[in-house]
Amino acid sequence: VQDPVARFHLHNGAKLERINWLADISKKGLRESLGLMVNYLYEPRTIEGNHEKFVRGEIVASRRVRGLMLDD
């Protein structure tokens, strides 16, 4: 994960909960992230496991976010 904000939240056990299209349409937002913003969810019962998965290279994401991914 190259984005420092994403790395911070995911390393600390958050789940990638939601991707928001055109959430930041400022010039800076469009330049830096094409207007995308994300929401992270911290669930106390899963924080430690999510952190461990991230350290092993896995990103925990909600069903909604996983549904946006292309299948191989």
PDB file of N, CA and C in Angstrom:
ATOM      1  N   VAL A   1       0.855  -1.177   0.000  1.00  0.00           N
ATOM      2  CA  VAL A   1       0.000   0.000   0.000  1.00  0.00           C
ATOM      3  C   VAL A   1       0.895   1.231   0.000  1.00  0.00           C
ATOM      4  N   GLN A   2       0.768   2.047  -1.042  1.00  0.00           N
ATOM      5  CA  GLN A   2       1.633   3.216  -1.173  1.00  0.00           C
ATOM      6  C   GLN A   2       1.059   4.467  -0.516  1.00  0.00           C
ATOM      7  N   ASP A   3      -0.255   4.573  -0.434  1.00  0.00           N
ATOM      8  CA  ASP A   3      -0.872   5.759   0.152  1.00  0.00           C
ATOM      9  C   ASP A   3      -0.662   5.747   1.665  1.00  0.00           C
ATOM     10  N   PRO A   4      -0.073   6.815   2.228  1.00  0.00           N
ATOM     11  CA  PRO A   4       0.226   6.812   3.656  1.00  0.00           C
ATOM     12  C   PRO A   4      -1.016   6.770   4.546  1.00  0.00           C
ATOM     13  N   VAL A   5      -2.102   7.381   4.126  1.00  0.00           N
ATOM     14  CA  VAL A   5      -3.327   7.353   4.933  1.00  0.00           C
ATOM     15  C   VAL A   5      -3.908   5.946   4.944  1.00  0.00           C
ATOM     16  N   ALA A   6      -3.978   5.321   3.780  1.00  0.00           N
ATOM     17  CA  ALA A   6      -4.479   3.946   3.704  1.00  0.00           C
ATOM     18  C   ALA A   6      -3.596   3.017   4.528  1.00  0.00           C
ATOM     19  N   ARG A   7      -2.290   3.150   4.379  1.00  0.00           N
ATOM     20  CA  ARG A   7      -1.360   2.303   5.128  1.00  0.00           C
ATOM     21  C   ARG A   7      -1.565   2.471   6.633  1.00  0.00           C
ATOM     22  N   PHE A   8      -1.752   3.710   7.083  1.00  0.00           N
ATOM     23  CA  PHE A   8      -1.979   3.972   8.509  1.00  0.00           C
ATOM     24  C   PHE A   8      -3.201   3.213   9.009  1.00  0.00           C
ATOM     25  N   HIS A   9      -4.338   3.398   8.336  1.00  0.00           N
ATOM     26  CA  HIS A   9      -5.581   2.779   8.805  1.00  0.00           C
ATOM     27  C   HIS A   9      -5.539   1.258   8.696  1.00  0.00           C
ATOM     28  N   LEU A  10      -5.079   0.741   7.569  1.00  0.00           N
ATOM     29  CA  LEU A  10      -5.054  -0.709   7.378  1.00  0.00           C
ATOM     30  C   LEU A  10      -4.055  -1.374   8.323  1.00  0.00           C
ATOM     31  N   HIS A  11      -2.913  -0.741   8.545  1.00  0.00           N
ATOM     32  CA  HIS A  11      -1.928  -1.286   9.485  1.00  0.00           C
ATOM     33  C   HIS A  11      -2.477  -1.299  10.904  1.00  0.00           C
ATOM     34  N   ASN A  12      -3.354  -0.353  11.209  1.00  0.00           N
ATOM     35  CA  ASN A  12      -3.930  -0.278  12.550  1.00  0.00           C
ATOM     36  C   ASN A  12      -5.188  -1.126  12.712  1.00  0.00           C
ATOM     37  N   GLY A  13      -5.505  -1.950  11.712  1.00  0.00           N
ATOM     38  CA  GLY A  13      -6.585  -2.918  11.864  1.00  0.00           C
ATOM     39  C   GLY A  13      -7.931  -2.525  11.304  1.00  0.00           C
ATOM     40  N   ALA A  14      -7.987  -1.452  10.550  1.00  0.00           N
ATOM     41  CA  ALA A  14      -9.263  -1.055   9.945  1.00  0.00           C
ATOM     42  C   ALA A  14      -9.583  -1.941   8.746  1.00  0.00           C
ATOM     43  N   LYS A  15     -10.841  -1.956   8.384  1.00  0.00           N
ATOM     44  CA  LYS A  15     -11.306  -2.640   7.176  1.00  0.00           C
ATOM     45  C   LYS A  15     -11.646  -1.574   6.146  1.00  0.00           C
ATOM     46  N   LEU A  16     -11.310  -1.827   4.888  1.00  0.00           N
ATOM     47  CA  LEU A  16     -11.706  -0.936   3.796  1.00  0.00           C
ATOM     48  C   LEU A  16     -13.201  -1.145   3.583  1.00  0.00           C
ATOM     49  N   GLU A  17     -13.993  -0.199   4.029  1.00  0.00           N
ATOM     50  CA  GLU A  17     -15.444  -0.367   4.080  1.00  0.00           C
ATOM     51  C   GLU A  17     -16.163   0.100   2.823  1.00  0.00           C
ATOM     52  N   ARG A  18     -15.723   1.239   2.274  1.00  0.00           N
ATOM     53  CA  ARG A  18     -16.485   1.820   1.170  1.00  0.00           C
ATOM     54  C   ARG A  18     -15.574   2.677   0.299  1.00  0.00           C
ATOM     55  N   ILE A  19     -15.837   2.661  -1.005  1.00  0.00           N
ATOM     56  CA  ILE A  19     -15.138   3.538  -1.943  1.00  0.00           C
ATOM     57  C   ILE A  19     -16.151   4.547  -2.458  1.00  0.00           C
ATOM     58  N   ASN A  20     -15.821   5.820  -2.354  1.00  0.00           N
ATOM     59  CA  ASN A  20     -16.746   6.898  -2.717  1.00  0.00           C
ATOM     60  C   ASN A  20     -16.261   7.604  -3.979  1.00  0.00           C
ATOM     61  N   TRP A  21     -17.000   7.440  -5.058  1.00  0.00           N
ATOM     62  CA  TRP A  21     -16.680   8.020  -6.360  1.00  0.00           C
ATOM     63  C   TRP A  21     -17.021   9.506  -6.361  1.00  0.00           C
ATOM     64  N   LEU A  22     -16.135  10.321  -6.860  1.00  0.00           N
ATOM     65  CA  LEU A  22     -16.297  11.779  -6.955  1.00  0.00           C
ATOM     66  C   LEU A  22     -16.596  12.427  -5.604  1.00  0.00           C
ATOM     67  N   ALA A  23     -15.972  11.907  -4.569  1.00  0.00           N
ATOM     68  CA  ALA A  23     -16.165  12.472  -3.237  1.00  0.00           C
ATOM     69  C   ALA A  23     -15.349  13.745  -3.032  1.00  0.00           C
ATOM     70  N   ASP A  24     -14.258  13.872  -3.763  1.00  0.00           N
ATOM     71  CA  ASP A  24     -13.423  15.074  -3.671  1.00  0.00           C
ATOM     72  C   ASP A  24     -13.128  15.556  -5.089  1.00  0.00           C
ATOM     73  N   ILE A  25     -13.952  16.477  -5.557  1.00  0.00           N
ATOM     74  CA  ILE A  25     -13.804  16.957  -6.936  1.00  0.00           C
ATOM     75  C   ILE A  25     -13.025  18.270  -7.019  1.00  0.00           C
ATOM     76  N   SER A  26     -12.322  18.589  -5.938  1.00  0.00           N
ATOM     77  CA  SER A  26     -11.437  19.753  -5.999  1.00  0.00           C
ATOM     78  C   SER A  26     -10.296  19.437  -6.966  1.00  0.00           C
ATOM     79  N   LYS A  27      -9.603  20.468  -7.419  1.00  0.00           N
ATOM     80  CA  LYS A  27      -8.464  20.236  -8.319  1.00  0.00           C
ATOM     81  C   LYS A  27      -7.452  19.289  -7.683  1.00  0.00           C
ATOM     82  N   LYS A  28      -7.161  19.515  -6.420  1.00  0.00           N
ATOM     83  CA  LYS A  28      -6.205  18.663  -5.711  1.00  0.00           C
ATOM     84  C   LYS A  28      -6.731  17.232  -5.601  1.00  0.00           C
ATOM     85  N   GLY A  29      -8.004  17.079  -5.242  1.00  0.00           N
ATOM     86  CA  GLY A  29      -8.592  15.745  -5.104  1.00  0.00           C
ATOM     87  C   GLY A  29      -8.602  14.973  -6.408  1.00  0.00           C
ATOM     88  N   LEU A  30      -8.915  15.652  -7.498  1.00  0.00           N
ATOM     89  CA  LEU A  30      -8.908  14.993  -8.807  1.00  0.00           C
ATOM     90  C   LEU A  30      -7.489  14.635  -9.230  1.00  0.00           C
ATOM     91  N   ARG A  31      -6.545  15.518  -8.938  1.00  0.00           N
ATOM     92  CA  ARG A  31      -5.156  15.263  -9.313  1.00  0.00           C
ATOM     93  C   ARG A  31      -4.556  14.112  -8.502  1.00  0.00           C
ATOM     94  N   GLU A  32      -4.835  14.086  -7.210  1.00  0.00           N
ATOM     95  CA  GLU A  32      -4.184  13.105  -6.343  1.00  0.00           C
ATOM     96  C   GLU A  32      -4.880  11.753  -6.297  1.00  0.00           C
ATOM     97  N   SER A  33      -6.211  11.741  -6.473  1.00  0.00           N
ATOM     98  CA  SER A  33      -6.921  10.466  -6.297  1.00  0.00           C
ATOM     99  C   SER A  33      -8.086  10.283  -7.263  1.00  0.00           C
ATOM    100  N   LEU A  34      -8.090  11.071  -8.336  1.00  0.00           N
ATOM    101  CA  LEU A  34      -9.187  11.002  -9.318  1.00  0.00           C
ATOM    102  C   LEU A  34     -10.547  11.220  -8.667  1.00  0.00           C
ATOM    103  N   GLY A  35     -10.559  11.930  -7.540  1.00  0.00           N
ATOM    104  CA  GLY A  35     -11.802  12.240  -6.848  1.00  0.00           C
ATOM    105  C   GLY A  35     -12.291  11.157  -5.908  1.00  0.00           C
ATOM    106  N   LEU A  36     -11.566  10.058  -5.812  1.00  0.00           N
ATOM    107  CA  LEU A  36     -11.984   8.954  -4.942  1.00  0.00           C
ATOM    108  C   LEU A  36     -11.615   9.226  -3.493  1.00  0.00           C
ATOM    109  N   MET A  37     -12.488   8.793  -2.602  1.00  0.00           N
ATOM    110  CA  MET A  37     -12.188   8.764  -1.173  1.00  0.00           C
ATOM    111  C   MET A  37     -12.717   7.442  -0.648  1.00  0.00           C
ATOM    112  N   VAL A  38     -12.168   6.992   0.459  1.00  0.00           N
ATOM    113  CA  VAL A  38     -12.626   5.734   1.038  1.00  0.00           C
ATOM    114  C   VAL A  38     -12.991   5.926   2.502  1.00  0.00           C
ATOM    115  N   ASN A  39     -13.817   5.018   2.991  1.00  0.00           N
ATOM    116  CA  ASN A  39     -14.155   4.964   4.409  1.00  0.00           C
ATOM    117  C   ASN A  39     -13.522   3.712   4.995  1.00  0.00           C
ATOM    118  N   TYR A  40     -12.971   3.849   6.177  1.00  0.00           N
ATOM    119  CA  TYR A  40     -12.399   2.724   6.910  1.00  0.00           C
ATOM    120  C   TYR A  40     -13.284   2.454   8.110  1.00  0.00           C
ATOM    121  N   LEU A  41     -13.406   1.181   8.469  1.00  0.00           N
ATOM    122  CA  LEU A  41     -14.228   0.792   9.610  1.00  0.00           C
ATOM    123  C   LEU A  41     -13.352   0.060  10.613  1.00  0.00           C
ATOM    124  N   TYR A  42     -13.384   0.525  11.853  1.00  0.00           N
ATOM    125  CA  TYR A  42     -12.686  -0.145  12.942  1.00  0.00           C
ATOM    126  C   TYR A  42     -13.719  -0.901  13.767  1.00  0.00           C
ATOM    127  N   GLU A  43     -13.625  -2.213  13.745  1.00  0.00           N
ATOM    128  CA  GLU A  43     -14.488  -3.057  14.565  1.00  0.00           C
ATOM    129  C   GLU A  43     -13.602  -3.683  15.637  1.00  0.00           C
ATOM    130  N   PRO A  44     -13.839  -3.342  16.909  1.00  0.00           N
ATOM    131  CA  PRO A  44     -12.938  -3.801  17.969  1.00  0.00           C
ATOM    132  C   PRO A  44     -12.636  -5.299  17.930  1.00  0.00           C
ATOM    133  N   ARG A  45     -13.615  -6.110  17.608  1.00  0.00           N
ATOM    134  CA  ARG A  45     -13.394  -7.560  17.643  1.00  0.00           C
ATOM    135  C   ARG A  45     -12.527  -8.072  16.494  1.00  0.00           C
ATOM    136  N   THR A  46     -12.313  -7.257  15.446  1.00  0.00           N
ATOM    137  CA  THR A  46     -11.535  -7.731  14.296  1.00  0.00           C
ATOM    138  C   THR A  46     -10.234  -6.955  14.067  1.00  0.00           C
ATOM    139  N   ILE A  47      -9.976  -5.956  14.885  1.00  0.00           N
ATOM    140  CA  ILE A  47      -8.801  -5.100  14.663  1.00  0.00           C
ATOM    141  C   ILE A  47      -7.503  -5.904  14.652  1.00  0.00           C
ATOM    142  N   GLU A  48      -7.303  -6.747  15.643  1.00  0.00           N
ATOM    143  CA  GLU A  48      -6.041  -7.493  15.721  1.00  0.00           C
ATOM    144  C   GLU A  48      -5.865  -8.421  14.516  1.00  0.00           C
ATOM    145  N   GLY A  49      -6.908  -9.141  14.161  1.00  0.00           N
ATOM    146  CA  GLY A  49      -6.829 -10.039  13.008  1.00  0.00           C
ATOM    147  C   GLY A  49      -6.612  -9.289  11.706  1.00  0.00           C
ATOM    148  N   ASN A  50      -7.289  -8.148  11.551  1.00  0.00           N
ATOM    149  CA  ASN A  50      -7.104  -7.340  10.341  1.00  0.00           C
ATOM    150  C   ASN A  50      -5.664  -6.842  10.240  1.00  0.00           C
ATOM    151  N   HIS A  51      -5.115  -6.427  11.365  1.00  0.00           N
ATOM    152  CA  HIS A  51      -3.718  -5.978  11.391  1.00  0.00           C
ATOM    153  C   HIS A  51      -2.785  -7.112  10.967  1.00  0.00           C
ATOM    154  N   GLU A  52      -2.997  -8.290  11.526  1.00  0.00           N
ATOM    155  CA  GLU A  52      -2.140  -9.435  11.186  1.00  0.00           C
ATOM    156  C   GLU A  52      -2.240  -9.776   9.702  1.00  0.00           C
ATOM    157  N   LYS A  53      -3.434  -9.711   9.147  1.00  0.00           N
ATOM    158  CA  LYS A  53      -3.605  -9.974   7.715  1.00  0.00           C
ATOM    159  C   LYS A  53      -2.864  -8.930   6.887  1.00  0.00           C
ATOM    160  N   PHE A  54      -2.957  -7.675   7.294  1.00  0.00           N
ATOM    161  CA  PHE A  54      -2.270  -6.611   6.553  1.00  0.00           C
ATOM    162  C   PHE A  54      -0.760  -6.831   6.555  1.00  0.00           C
ATOM    163  N   VAL A  55      -0.220  -7.208   7.701  1.00  0.00           N
ATOM    164  CA  VAL A  55       1.224  -7.457   7.802  1.00  0.00           C
ATOM    165  C   VAL A  55       1.637  -8.580   6.850  1.00  0.00           C
ATOM    166  N   ARG A  56       0.740  -9.537   6.615  1.00  0.00           N
ATOM    167  CA  ARG A  56       1.022 -10.645   5.686  1.00  0.00           C
ATOM    168  C   ARG A  56       0.697 -10.288   4.236  1.00  0.00           C
ATOM    169  N   GLY A  57       0.243  -9.049   3.996  1.00  0.00           N
ATOM    170  CA  GLY A  57      -0.001  -8.603   2.626  1.00  0.00           C
ATOM    171  C   GLY A  57      -1.443  -8.648   2.165  1.00  0.00           C
ATOM    172  N   GLU A  58      -2.376  -8.936   3.066  1.00  0.00           N
ATOM    173  CA  GLU A  58      -3.795  -9.003   2.710  1.00  0.00           C
ATOM    174  C   GLU A  58      -4.521  -7.761   3.213  1.00  0.00           C
ATOM    175  N   ILE A  59      -5.403  -7.221   2.399  1.00  0.00           N
ATOM    176  CA  ILE A  59      -6.228  -6.085   2.800  1.00  0.00           C
ATOM    177  C   ILE A  59      -7.641  -6.590   3.041  1.00  0.00           C
ATOM    178  N   VAL A  60      -8.159  -6.339   4.232  1.00  0.00           N
ATOM    179  CA  VAL A  60      -9.518  -6.740   4.566  1.00  0.00           C
ATOM    180  C   VAL A  60     -10.469  -5.679   4.034  1.00  0.00           C
ATOM    181  N   ALA A  61     -11.442  -6.113   3.245  1.00  0.00           N
ATOM    182  CA  ALA A  61     -12.401  -5.193   2.631  1.00  0.00           C
ATOM    183  C   ALA A  61     -13.811  -5.728   2.829  1.00  0.00           C
ATOM    184  N   SER A  62     -14.766  -4.825   2.842  1.00  0.00           N
ATOM    185  CA  SER A  62     -16.172  -5.210   2.979  1.00  0.00           C
ATOM    186  C   SER A  62     -16.634  -5.993   1.752  1.00  0.00           C
ATOM    187  N   ARG A  63     -17.740  -6.675   1.893  1.00  0.00           N
ATOM    188  CA  ARG A  63     -18.327  -7.409   0.770  1.00  0.00           C
ATOM    189  C   ARG A  63     -18.620  -6.455  -0.382  1.00  0.00           C
ATOM    190  N   ARG A  64     -19.089  -5.282  -0.062  1.00  0.00           N
ATOM    191  CA  ARG A  64     -19.407  -4.280  -1.091  1.00  0.00           C
ATOM    192  C   ARG A  64     -18.165  -3.907  -1.909  1.00  0.00           C
ATOM    193  N   VAL A  65     -17.048  -3.684  -1.236  1.00  0.00           N
ATOM    194  CA  VAL A  65     -15.801  -3.338  -1.931  1.00  0.00           C
ATOM    195  C   VAL A  65     -15.285  -4.538  -2.714  1.00  0.00           C
ATOM    196  N   ARG A  66     -15.316  -5.710  -2.109  1.00  0.00           N
ATOM    197  CA  ARG A  66     -14.861  -6.912  -2.821  1.00  0.00           C
ATOM    198  C   ARG A  66     -15.688  -7.147  -4.079  1.00  0.00           C
ATOM    199  N   GLY A  67     -16.958  -6.772  -4.050  1.00  0.00           N
ATOM    200  CA  GLY A  67     -17.823  -6.923  -5.216  1.00  0.00           C
ATOM    201  C   GLY A  67     -17.410  -6.048  -6.387  1.00  0.00           C
ATOM    202  N   LEU A  68     -16.638  -5.008  -6.122  1.00  0.00           N
ATOM    203  CA  LEU A  68     -16.157  -4.122  -7.183  1.00  0.00           C
ATOM    204  C   LEU A  68     -14.934  -4.677  -7.898  1.00  0.00           C
ATOM    205  N   MET A  69     -14.308  -5.679  -7.313  1.00  0.00           N
ATOM    206  CA  MET A  69     -13.075  -6.231  -7.876  1.00  0.00           C
ATOM    207  C   MET A  69     -13.386  -7.178  -9.021  1.00  0.00           C
ATOM    208  N   LEU A  70     -12.487  -7.184  -9.985  1.00  0.00           N
ATOM    209  CA  LEU A  70     -12.622  -8.090 -11.121  1.00  0.00           C
ATOM    210  C   LEU A  70     -12.140  -9.473 -10.736  1.00  0.00           C
ATOM    211  N   ASP A  71     -12.845 -10.488 -11.196  1.00  0.00           N
ATOM    212  CA  ASP A  71     -12.395 -11.866 -10.993  1.00  0.00           C
ATOM    213  C   ASP A  71     -11.356 -12.208 -12.034  1.00  0.00           C
ATOM    214  N   ASP A  72     -10.424 -13.074 -11.665  1.00  0.00           N
ATOM    215  CA  ASP A  72      -9.407 -13.538 -12.622  1.00  0.00           C
ATOM    216  C   ASP A  72     -10.012 -14.494 -13.619  1.00  0.00           C
TER     217      ASP A  72
END
